Amino acid sequence: MTATWEKIDTNLVSLNVEVEAERVNEALDKAFKKVVQKVNVPGFRKGKVPRAMFEKRFGVESLYQDAVDILLQEVYPQAIEETGIIPVDRPDIDVQQFAKGESFKFSAKVTVKPEVKLGEYKGIEVPAAEATVSEEEIGEELNRLQQRHAELDVVDEGTVASGDIAVIDFDGYVDGVAFEGGKSERYSLEVGSGTFIPGFEDQVIGMGTGDFKDVEVTFPESYHADNLAGKAAVFKVKLHEIKRKSLPALDDEFAKDVSEFDTLAEFKQDLEGKLKERKAKEADSAREAAVVEKAAEAAEVEIPAAMIGTETDYMLKDFENRLRMQGMNLELYFQFSGQNESMLREQMKGDAEKRVRNNLVLEAIAKAENIQVTDEEVTAELETLAAAYNRPAEELREIFTRNGNLDNLKDDIAVRNTVKFLLENSKEAVNA
């Protein structure tokens, strides 16, 4: 086999491959063994038709497509390895010659990983690493803990206020016709959470237990269901119950209930330490993000749309997994947010492009600075994962190796090493 390539546009190359006639004939043999299992010929059991009779009855050309598919699965990866190009999308194959006893010739238009022209990446200014905590921040954290440990009391008298839990039945109609997904019974709605269609929750405020009300709203133009987008709707609402949060007092008893400390003073001191630790980590993350972003902005690279699409796919899948951990799925999210998948993908597109750019630039810096990953670093990473998953490190190494993911692990370590290099060669920004 011979394989050559030539650049035909930015990030697009033409891969030209010629495969020996012997391999073509071998592929035809494999194709015959596959196809003959499905052929019915009178006088022969399925799979037992002689090759000569098959070709006489159906023609050798009937095997060509299967043989081409078989060869491409074998040859294309070999051609990629031989030429050293790095594809980032599926190739556009053009078969130029294929016949029994002749060589197989094809070309492929291949979108490849882009070249990066690095700008200045040493001496980048990054934010100062500050981690001070104010009394106001401690108070906000205590308030969040109060909210988390609040009790829900049934309101026997009075009306719904923002922040209450309204237990309602609702039945939605558009043009007098009920629509799918517009009905529920004894639904617990946190008023003011922004969960429902804009305007719905505001109209529930002021209702009393046992009240009925027609809530009139308009679905957003961008609503995920085309049959409802922009439509006026009426929801017939019945209020069964009002529940209101009762916050615990901030005292020593509260500290004992939510922590290991006996007094509120001790708890606040510990809380301050944890907030400082959290802010220090956030400051480190901000410094890392700043140094990578500025290095990426200084570089020149034209990113193929396929790479952005692939990263968007990954981000969407990750978002869906996080929703599931919260007891939700994409379908419910689209209902509540009024979005659809294409809108969500469009929102993610900018961050996806930034991620791809950052990774490409970090990879180029690692190469320029000869940043290596040692066996000791790989072992340490596996041991960290082993502790997290409670499995032996060597077992994880075998799994990573078997699944072909050990190189991905090394890439992750290389990225961290490169970010560390950038920070070590940065300078702290001076506040004006």
Foldseek 3Di string as FASTA:
>chain_A
DDWDWDDDDFQKIKIKDKAFLVLLVVLLVVLCQVCQQVDDDPPDDRSGDDPVVCCVVPNSVVSFVSSVVVCCVVVVVVNCVVHVFAALDDWDKDWDDHDRSGMTIIMTIGRTFGDKFFFDQFAAAFADQDQADDPVNLVVVVVVVQQVPWDKDWDPDDADDQQKWWQKWKFKDFPRHTDPPGTDHRDTDRQPPLQAAPQQSVVRTGDDAQDWDWGKDAADLQAPDNVRRRTIMIMTMHTHTIIHTDTDDQWQVSCVVPHVDRTSVVVSVVVSVVSSVVSSVVSVVRRLVSSLLVRLVRMDIDGDPSQLVVLLVVVVVVVQVVQVVVVHGPVSVSNRVRHDDVVVSVVCSVVSVSVSSSLSSLVVQCVVVVPADDPVNLLVVLVVVCVVVVHDSVVVVVVCVVVVNSVVVRSVVSSVVSSVVSVVRYHYDDDD
